[in-house]
Amino acid sequence: MVERARRAAALARWIILLALAAAALGTVQTPKAVISASDGAERAVVHVELAVTPGQRSFGLMYREHLNEDAGMLFIFPTVDQLKFWMKHTEIPLDMIFADPAGVVVGIVANATPYSEKPVGPDAPALYVLEVNGGFCARHGVRAGDKMNFVGFDPHTGQ
């Protein structure tokens, strides 16, 4: 009888530990960029991969054959600059959303041509570039002046 009670208590402890672990994992948020209109209305939520190192920023989305509709890559730069991107080795058309340090969209390159080596970008300084599927901005009404808010990560880099 005592042995049975010990086993039951041990099993109960394991169940409690598993429940706590599951709860803790549920609080971990995947990185997201939430794009809102100037009036605060949410336009889109994008689950983002982060490109924060020079190597990650150089490689970007090259050689990808597919990108989910609600997915993208957020390029985070160490300083504000007039950024230009090209599509060399990039197989899918992309929209590129350029934002300033406050997350305000300063320009969009829509449907960038796959494999193009022509540098493209707005004539405005930016700190962030969000790459999403081509046509994303038109489908969601994303435009200059909208705001990106970042969830689940620190949107800064020293690299």
N, C-alpha and C. Protein backbone atom coordinates (compact mmCIF):
# COMPACT_ATOMS: atom_id res chain seq x y z
N MET A 1 0.81 -1.19 0.00
CA MET A 1 0.00 0.00 0.00
C MET A 1 0.86 1.26 0.00
N VAL A 2 1.94 1.27 0.80
CA VAL A 2 2.83 2.42 0.87
C VAL A 2 3.54 2.60 -0.47
N GLU A 3 3.97 1.51 -1.07
CA GLU A 3 4.66 1.57 -2.36
C GLU A 3 3.74 2.14 -3.44
N ARG A 4 2.51 1.73 -3.41
CA ARG A 4 1.52 2.23 -4.38
C ARG A 4 1.32 3.75 -4.21
N ALA A 5 1.28 4.23 -2.99
CA ALA A 5 1.12 5.66 -2.71
C ALA A 5 2.35 6.43 -3.20
N ARG A 6 3.54 5.86 -3.02
CA ARG A 6 4.77 6.52 -3.51
C ARG A 6 4.75 6.64 -5.03
N ARG A 7 4.34 5.58 -5.70
CA ARG A 7 4.28 5.60 -7.16
C ARG A 7 3.27 6.64 -7.64
N ALA A 8 2.12 6.68 -6.99
CA ALA A 8 1.09 7.66 -7.35
C ALA A 8 1.61 9.08 -7.15
N ALA A 9 2.32 9.32 -6.04
CA ALA A 9 2.88 10.64 -5.76
C ALA A 9 3.94 11.01 -6.79
N ALA A 10 4.79 10.05 -7.17
CA ALA A 10 5.82 10.30 -8.18
C ALA A 10 5.17 10.62 -9.53
N LEU A 11 4.15 9.87 -9.88
CA LEU A 11 3.44 10.12 -11.13
C LEU A 11 2.79 11.51 -11.11
N ALA A 12 2.20 11.87 -9.99
CA ALA A 12 1.58 13.20 -9.86
C ALA A 12 2.62 14.30 -10.03
N ARG A 13 3.82 14.11 -9.44
CA ARG A 13 4.89 15.11 -9.60
C ARG A 13 5.28 15.25 -11.07
N TRP A 14 5.41 14.14 -11.80
CA TRP A 14 5.77 14.18 -13.21
C TRP A 14 4.70 14.89 -14.03
N ILE A 15 3.46 14.62 -13.73
CA ILE A 15 2.36 15.28 -14.45
C ILE A 15 2.39 16.79 -14.21
N ILE A 16 2.64 17.18 -12.97
CA ILE A 16 2.72 18.61 -12.64
C ILE A 16 3.90 19.25 -13.37
N LEU A 17 5.06 18.58 -13.38
CA LEU A 17 6.23 19.11 -14.08
C LEU A 17 5.97 19.25 -15.58
N LEU A 18 5.34 18.25 -16.18
CA LEU A 18 5.01 18.33 -17.61
C LEU A 18 4.05 19.47 -17.88
N ALA A 19 3.06 19.66 -17.02
CA ALA A 19 2.10 20.75 -17.20
C ALA A 19 2.80 22.10 -17.09
N LEU A 20 3.71 22.23 -16.13
CA LEU A 20 4.46 23.49 -15.99
C LEU A 20 5.35 23.74 -17.20
N ALA A 21 6.00 22.69 -17.69
CA ALA A 21 6.85 22.84 -18.88
C ALA A 21 6.03 23.25 -20.09
N ALA A 22 4.87 22.62 -20.26
CA ALA A 22 4.00 22.97 -21.39
C ALA A 22 3.53 24.42 -21.28
N ALA A 23 3.19 24.85 -20.07
CA ALA A 23 2.76 26.23 -19.87
C ALA A 23 3.89 27.20 -20.18
N ALA A 24 5.10 26.85 -19.76
CA ALA A 24 6.26 27.72 -20.02
C ALA A 24 6.53 27.80 -21.51
N LEU A 25 6.44 26.69 -22.22
CA LEU A 25 6.66 26.71 -23.66
C LEU A 25 5.59 27.52 -24.37
N GLY A 26 4.39 27.50 -23.86
CA GLY A 26 3.31 28.26 -24.47
C GLY A 26 3.51 29.75 -24.36
N THR A 27 4.32 30.21 -23.41
CA THR A 27 4.54 31.64 -23.25
C THR A 27 5.66 32.16 -24.16
N VAL A 28 6.42 31.27 -24.77
CA VAL A 28 7.46 31.68 -25.69
C VAL A 28 6.80 32.09 -27.00
N GLN A 29 7.01 33.31 -27.41
CA GLN A 29 6.38 33.81 -28.62
C GLN A 29 7.33 33.71 -29.79
N THR A 30 6.79 33.29 -30.92
CA THR A 30 7.61 33.32 -32.13
C THR A 30 7.71 34.77 -32.57
N PRO A 31 8.83 35.16 -33.13
CA PRO A 31 8.99 36.54 -33.56
C PRO A 31 7.94 36.92 -34.61
N LYS A 32 7.34 38.09 -34.43
CA LYS A 32 6.31 38.57 -35.35
C LYS A 32 6.51 40.05 -35.62
N ALA A 33 6.09 40.45 -36.79
CA ALA A 33 5.96 41.86 -37.13
C ALA A 33 4.48 42.11 -37.37
N VAL A 34 3.92 43.02 -36.60
CA VAL A 34 2.51 43.38 -36.76
C VAL A 34 2.47 44.70 -37.50
N ILE A 35 1.80 44.72 -38.64
CA ILE A 35 1.72 45.93 -39.45
C ILE A 35 0.35 46.55 -39.26
N SER A 36 0.35 47.83 -38.87
CA SER A 36 -0.90 48.54 -38.60
C SER A 36 -0.97 49.82 -39.41
N ALA A 37 -2.19 50.21 -39.73
CA ALA A 37 -2.44 51.47 -40.42
C ALA A 37 -2.19 52.62 -39.46
N SER A 38 -2.13 53.83 -39.98
CA SER A 38 -1.88 55.00 -39.13
C SER A 38 -2.98 55.20 -38.09
N ASP A 39 -4.19 54.68 -38.34
CA ASP A 39 -5.26 54.79 -37.35
C ASP A 39 -5.24 53.65 -36.34
N GLY A 40 -4.24 52.76 -36.45
CA GLY A 40 -4.09 51.66 -35.50
C GLY A 40 -4.74 50.37 -35.95
N ALA A 41 -5.49 50.37 -37.03
CA ALA A 41 -6.13 49.14 -37.52
C ALA A 41 -5.07 48.17 -38.00
N GLU A 42 -5.16 46.93 -37.55
CA GLU A 42 -4.17 45.92 -37.93
C GLU A 42 -4.37 45.49 -39.37
N ARG A 43 -3.29 45.56 -40.14
CA ARG A 43 -3.34 45.13 -41.53
C ARG A 43 -2.88 43.68 -41.70
N ALA A 44 -1.81 43.30 -40.98
CA ALA A 44 -1.26 41.95 -41.15
C ALA A 44 -0.34 41.61 -39.99
N VAL A 45 -0.23 40.31 -39.74
CA VAL A 45 0.75 39.78 -38.79
C VAL A 45 1.64 38.83 -39.57
N VAL A 46 2.94 39.04 -39.47
CA VAL A 46 3.91 38.23 -40.21
C VAL A 46 4.82 37.53 -39.21
N HIS A 47 4.89 36.20 -39.30
CA HIS A 47 5.84 35.42 -38.51
C HIS A 47 7.19 35.58 -39.20
N VAL A 48 8.18 36.10 -38.47
CA VAL A 48 9.43 36.47 -39.12
C VAL A 48 10.62 35.63 -38.68
N GLU A 49 11.46 35.35 -39.65
CA GLU A 49 12.81 34.89 -39.38
C GLU A 49 13.64 36.16 -39.29
N LEU A 50 14.62 36.16 -38.41
CA LEU A 50 15.43 37.36 -38.22
C LEU A 50 16.76 37.24 -38.93
N ALA A 51 17.15 38.28 -39.62
CA ALA A 51 18.45 38.39 -40.26
C ALA A 51 19.17 39.54 -39.58
N VAL A 52 20.04 39.22 -38.60
CA VAL A 52 20.68 40.26 -37.80
C VAL A 52 22.19 40.33 -37.97
N THR A 53 22.79 39.26 -38.45
CA THR A 53 24.24 39.28 -38.66
C THR A 53 24.52 39.62 -40.13
N PRO A 54 25.73 40.07 -40.44
CA PRO A 54 26.04 40.35 -41.85
C PRO A 54 25.82 39.13 -42.75
N GLY A 55 26.19 37.95 -42.28
CA GLY A 55 25.99 36.74 -43.07
C GLY A 55 24.52 36.44 -43.32
N GLN A 56 23.71 36.56 -42.28
CA GLN A 56 22.28 36.32 -42.43
C GLN A 56 21.66 37.34 -43.38
N ARG A 57 22.07 38.60 -43.26
CA ARG A 57 21.52 39.63 -44.14
C ARG A 57 21.96 39.41 -45.58
N SER A 58 23.18 38.94 -45.79
CA SER A 58 23.65 38.70 -47.16
C SER A 58 22.92 37.54 -47.81
N PHE A 59 22.65 36.49 -47.06
CA PHE A 59 22.03 35.28 -47.61
C PHE A 59 20.52 35.46 -47.77
N GLY A 60 19.90 36.08 -46.80
CA GLY A 60 18.46 36.38 -46.89
C GLY A 60 17.61 35.19 -47.28
N LEU A 61 16.75 35.39 -48.27
CA LEU A 61 15.83 34.34 -48.72
C LEU A 61 16.29 33.68 -50.02
N MET A 62 17.58 33.77 -50.31
CA MET A 62 18.09 33.14 -51.53
C MET A 62 17.84 31.63 -51.50
N TYR A 63 17.58 31.08 -52.68
CA TYR A 63 17.40 29.65 -52.92
C TYR A 63 16.12 29.08 -52.33
N ARG A 64 15.26 29.89 -51.75
CA ARG A 64 13.98 29.40 -51.23
C ARG A 64 13.01 29.21 -52.39
N GLU A 65 12.29 28.11 -52.37
CA GLU A 65 11.28 27.85 -53.39
C GLU A 65 9.89 28.24 -52.93
N HIS A 66 9.72 28.47 -51.61
CA HIS A 66 8.40 28.74 -51.06
C HIS A 66 8.53 29.60 -49.80
N LEU A 67 7.53 30.43 -49.59
CA LEU A 67 7.42 31.22 -48.37
C LEU A 67 5.94 31.25 -48.01
N ASN A 68 5.60 30.83 -46.80
CA ASN A 68 4.20 30.84 -46.39
C ASN A 68 3.63 32.25 -46.46
N GLU A 69 2.33 32.37 -46.67
CA GLU A 69 1.68 33.67 -46.84
C GLU A 69 1.87 34.57 -45.62
N ASP A 70 1.89 33.99 -44.43
CA ASP A 70 2.03 34.80 -43.21
C ASP A 70 3.45 34.80 -42.67
N ALA A 71 4.42 34.50 -43.54
CA ALA A 71 5.82 34.42 -43.12
C ALA A 71 6.66 35.43 -43.88
N GLY A 72 7.80 35.76 -43.29
CA GLY A 72 8.72 36.66 -43.95
C GLY A 72 10.06 36.67 -43.25
N MET A 73 10.96 37.47 -43.75
CA MET A 73 12.27 37.64 -43.13
C MET A 73 12.45 39.11 -42.82
N LEU A 74 12.82 39.39 -41.57
CA LEU A 74 13.06 40.76 -41.14
C LEU A 74 14.56 40.99 -41.05
N PHE A 75 15.04 41.92 -41.86
CA PHE A 75 16.44 42.31 -41.85
C PHE A 75 16.58 43.47 -40.88
N ILE A 76 17.44 43.30 -39.90
CA ILE A 76 17.67 44.34 -38.89
C ILE A 76 19.10 44.83 -39.06
N PHE A 77 19.26 46.12 -39.31
CA PHE A 77 20.58 46.70 -39.54
C PHE A 77 21.06 47.44 -38.30
N PRO A 78 22.38 47.57 -38.14
CA PRO A 78 22.91 48.24 -36.94
C PRO A 78 22.72 49.76 -36.96
N THR A 79 22.63 50.34 -38.15
CA THR A 79 22.46 51.80 -38.25
C THR A 79 21.49 52.12 -39.39
N VAL A 80 20.90 53.27 -39.30
CA VAL A 80 19.98 53.75 -40.34
C VAL A 80 20.80 54.08 -41.59
N ASP A 81 20.27 53.69 -42.75
CA ASP A 81 20.96 53.96 -44.01
C ASP A 81 19.93 53.91 -45.14
N GLN A 82 20.32 54.42 -46.29
CA GLN A 82 19.49 54.28 -47.48
C GLN A 82 19.80 52.91 -48.04
N LEU A 83 18.94 51.94 -47.78
CA LEU A 83 19.18 50.54 -48.08
C LEU A 83 18.68 50.17 -49.47
N LYS A 84 19.47 49.35 -50.16
CA LYS A 84 19.09 48.82 -51.47
C LYS A 84 19.31 47.31 -51.43
N PHE A 85 18.36 46.57 -51.99
CA PHE A 85 18.43 45.12 -52.04
C PHE A 85 18.39 44.66 -53.49
N TRP A 86 18.91 43.46 -53.74
CA TRP A 86 18.80 42.84 -55.04
C TRP A 86 18.24 41.45 -54.85
N MET A 87 17.91 40.78 -55.95
CA MET A 87 17.22 39.48 -55.90
C MET A 87 18.07 38.34 -56.45
N LYS A 88 19.37 38.54 -56.54
CA LYS A 88 20.25 37.50 -57.06
C LYS A 88 20.03 36.21 -56.27
N HIS A 89 19.83 35.12 -56.96
CA HIS A 89 19.61 33.78 -56.39
C HIS A 89 18.32 33.69 -55.57
N THR A 90 17.43 34.65 -55.73
CA THR A 90 16.15 34.60 -55.03
C THR A 90 15.11 34.12 -56.03
N GLU A 91 14.47 33.00 -55.72
CA GLU A 91 13.62 32.30 -56.68
C GLU A 91 12.17 32.75 -56.69
N ILE A 92 11.72 33.44 -55.65
CA ILE A 92 10.31 33.82 -55.58
C ILE A 92 10.19 35.35 -55.57
N PRO A 93 9.14 35.89 -56.20
CA PRO A 93 8.95 37.35 -56.16
C PRO A 93 8.66 37.78 -54.73
N LEU A 94 9.20 38.91 -54.35
CA LEU A 94 9.04 39.41 -52.98
C LEU A 94 8.58 40.85 -52.97
N ASP A 95 7.82 41.20 -51.93
CA ASP A 95 7.59 42.60 -51.58
C ASP A 95 8.60 42.92 -50.49
N MET A 96 9.23 44.07 -50.58
CA MET A 96 10.18 44.52 -49.57
C MET A 96 9.60 45.76 -48.91
N ILE A 97 9.47 45.69 -47.59
CA ILE A 97 8.87 46.79 -46.83
C ILE A 97 9.99 47.42 -45.99
N PHE A 98 10.31 48.67 -46.27
CA PHE A 98 11.40 49.39 -45.61
C PHE A 98 10.80 50.25 -44.49
N ALA A 99 11.41 50.20 -43.30
CA ALA A 99 10.89 50.97 -42.16
C ALA A 99 12.01 51.68 -41.43
N ASP A 100 11.67 52.82 -40.86
CA ASP A 100 12.64 53.63 -40.11
C ASP A 100 12.79 53.09 -38.68
N PRO A 101 13.63 53.70 -37.85
CA PRO A 101 13.85 53.19 -36.49
C PRO A 101 12.60 53.11 -35.63
N ALA A 102 11.58 53.92 -35.92
CA ALA A 102 10.33 53.86 -35.17
C ALA A 102 9.38 52.80 -35.73
N GLY A 103 9.79 52.11 -36.79
CA GLY A 103 8.95 51.09 -37.40
C GLY A 103 7.99 51.63 -38.44
N VAL A 104 8.09 52.91 -38.76
CA VAL A 104 7.20 53.52 -39.75
C VAL A 104 7.68 53.13 -41.15
N VAL A 105 6.76 52.64 -41.96
CA VAL A 105 7.09 52.22 -43.33
C VAL A 105 7.42 53.45 -44.16
N VAL A 106 8.65 53.47 -44.70
CA VAL A 106 9.11 54.61 -45.49
C VAL A 106 9.12 54.31 -46.98
N GLY A 107 8.90 53.05 -47.34
CA GLY A 107 8.86 52.69 -48.75
C GLY A 107 8.63 51.21 -48.94
N ILE A 108 8.13 50.87 -50.13
CA ILE A 108 7.83 49.49 -50.48
C ILE A 108 8.33 49.24 -51.90
N VAL A 109 8.99 48.11 -52.08
CA VAL A 109 9.29 47.61 -53.42
C VAL A 109 8.35 46.43 -53.62
N ALA A 110 7.42 46.55 -54.55
CA ALA A 110 6.42 45.51 -54.78
C ALA A 110 6.88 44.56 -55.87
N ASN A 111 6.67 43.27 -55.63
CA ASN A 111 6.94 42.23 -56.62
C ASN A 111 8.33 42.33 -57.25
N ALA A 112 9.34 42.38 -56.40
CA ALA A 112 10.72 42.40 -56.90
C ALA A 112 10.96 41.17 -57.77
N THR A 113 11.63 41.38 -58.88
CA THR A 113 11.82 40.34 -59.88
C THR A 113 12.86 39.32 -59.44
N PRO A 114 12.47 38.02 -59.41
CA PRO A 114 13.45 36.98 -59.06
C PRO A 114 14.69 37.04 -59.94
N TYR A 115 15.83 36.77 -59.35
CA TYR A 115 17.16 36.70 -59.98
C TYR A 115 17.72 38.04 -60.44
N SER A 116 16.99 39.13 -60.27
CA SER A 116 17.48 40.43 -60.72
C SER A 116 18.67 40.87 -59.87
N GLU A 117 19.66 41.45 -60.52
CA GLU A 117 20.82 41.98 -59.81
C GLU A 117 20.75 43.50 -59.68
N LYS A 118 19.60 44.08 -60.05
CA LYS A 118 19.43 45.52 -59.93
C LYS A 118 19.08 45.87 -58.49
N PRO A 119 19.89 46.73 -57.83
CA PRO A 119 19.56 47.14 -56.46
C PRO A 119 18.31 48.01 -56.45
N VAL A 120 17.38 47.69 -55.53
CA VAL A 120 16.13 48.44 -55.43
C VAL A 120 15.87 48.81 -53.98
N GLY A 121 15.20 49.93 -53.80
CA GLY A 121 14.84 50.40 -52.47
C GLY A 121 14.38 51.84 -52.56
N PRO A 122 13.76 52.34 -51.50
CA PRO A 122 13.25 53.71 -51.52
C PRO A 122 14.39 54.71 -51.34
N ASP A 123 14.10 55.96 -51.64
CA ASP A 123 15.06 57.04 -51.43
C ASP A 123 14.86 57.64 -50.04
N ALA A 124 14.76 56.77 -49.05
CA ALA A 124 14.56 57.20 -47.67
C ALA A 124 15.38 56.29 -46.75
N PRO A 125 15.93 56.83 -45.69
CA PRO A 125 16.70 55.99 -44.78
C PRO A 125 15.81 55.00 -44.03
N ALA A 126 16.36 53.80 -43.79
CA ALA A 126 15.61 52.75 -43.10
C ALA A 126 16.56 51.99 -42.17
N LEU A 127 15.97 51.31 -41.21
CA LEU A 127 16.71 50.45 -40.29
C LEU A 127 16.27 48.99 -40.44
N TYR A 128 15.03 48.81 -40.92
CA TYR A 128 14.44 47.47 -41.06
C TYR A 128 13.95 47.26 -42.48
N VAL A 129 14.06 46.01 -42.94
CA VAL A 129 13.44 45.62 -44.21
C VAL A 129 12.75 44.28 -43.97
N LEU A 130 11.47 44.25 -44.25
CA LEU A 130 10.68 43.03 -44.13
C LEU A 130 10.40 42.51 -45.53
N GLU A 131 10.87 41.29 -45.80
CA GLU A 131 10.59 40.65 -47.09
C GLU A 131 9.46 39.64 -46.90
N VAL A 132 8.45 39.76 -47.76
CA VAL A 132 7.29 38.89 -47.76
C VAL A 132 7.00 38.49 -49.21
N ASN A 133 6.05 37.60 -49.40
CA ASN A 133 5.69 37.18 -50.75
C ASN A 133 5.26 38.36 -51.61
N GLY A 134 5.59 38.28 -52.90
CA GLY A 134 5.16 39.28 -53.84
C GLY A 134 3.65 39.43 -53.83
N GLY A 135 3.16 40.65 -53.83
CA GLY A 135 1.74 40.93 -53.80
C GLY A 135 1.15 41.04 -52.40
N PHE A 136 1.95 40.74 -51.37
CA PHE A 136 1.49 40.79 -49.98
C PHE A 136 0.95 42.17 -49.63
N CYS A 137 1.71 43.20 -49.98
CA CYS A 137 1.30 44.57 -49.61
C CYS A 137 -0.02 44.94 -50.26
N ALA A 138 -0.21 44.58 -51.52
CA ALA A 138 -1.47 44.87 -52.20
C ALA A 138 -2.62 44.08 -51.56
N ARG A 139 -2.39 42.82 -51.22
CA ARG A 139 -3.45 41.99 -50.61
C ARG A 139 -3.87 42.49 -49.24
N HIS A 140 -2.93 43.09 -48.50
CA HIS A 140 -3.21 43.52 -47.13
C HIS A 140 -3.34 45.04 -46.99
N GLY A 141 -3.18 45.76 -48.09
CA GLY A 141 -3.31 47.21 -48.04
C GLY A 141 -2.16 47.91 -47.34
N VAL A 142 -0.99 47.28 -47.28
CA VAL A 142 0.17 47.88 -46.62
C VAL A 142 0.71 49.00 -47.49
N ARG A 143 1.00 50.14 -46.85
CA ARG A 143 1.50 51.30 -47.61
C ARG A 143 2.44 52.13 -46.74
N ALA A 144 3.15 53.03 -47.38
CA ALA A 144 4.03 53.96 -46.66
C ALA A 144 3.21 54.71 -45.62
N GLY A 145 3.80 54.90 -44.45
CA GLY A 145 3.12 55.56 -43.34
C GLY A 145 2.55 54.57 -42.34
N ASP A 146 2.37 53.30 -42.74
CA ASP A 146 1.94 52.27 -41.80
C ASP A 146 3.05 52.03 -40.79
N LYS A 147 2.75 51.28 -39.75
CA LYS A 147 3.74 51.06 -38.69
C LYS A 147 3.92 49.57 -38.44
N MET A 148 5.18 49.18 -38.27
CA MET A 148 5.52 47.81 -37.87
C MET A 148 5.83 47.81 -36.38
N ASN A 149 5.18 46.92 -35.65
CA ASN A 149 5.51 46.69 -34.25
C ASN A 149 6.07 45.27 -34.15
N PHE A 150 7.04 45.11 -33.29
CA PHE A 150 7.74 43.84 -33.19
C PHE A 150 7.36 43.13 -31.90
N VAL A 151 7.05 41.85 -32.01
CA VAL A 151 6.59 41.04 -30.89
C VAL A 151 7.47 39.80 -30.76
N GLY A 152 7.92 39.52 -29.53
CA GLY A 152 8.64 38.28 -29.27
C GLY A 152 10.14 38.36 -29.49
N PHE A 153 10.70 39.55 -29.71
CA PHE A 153 12.14 39.69 -29.89
C PHE A 153 12.53 41.15 -29.72
N ASP A 154 13.82 41.37 -29.54
CA ASP A 154 14.38 42.72 -29.45
C ASP A 154 14.81 43.15 -30.84
N PRO A 155 14.21 44.19 -31.41
CA PRO A 155 14.50 44.56 -32.80
C PRO A 155 15.78 45.39 -32.96
N HIS A 156 16.82 45.03 -32.27
CA HIS A 156 18.09 45.76 -32.37
C HIS A 156 19.22 44.77 -32.61
N THR A 157 20.27 45.27 -33.20
CA THR A 157 21.46 44.46 -33.43
C THR A 157 22.68 45.35 -33.32
N GLY A 158 23.77 44.76 -32.98
CA GLY A 158 25.02 45.51 -32.95
C GLY A 158 25.94 45.10 -34.08
N GLN A 159 25.38 44.29 -35.00
CA GLN A 159 26.23 43.74 -36.07
C GLN A 159 25.86 44.31 -37.41
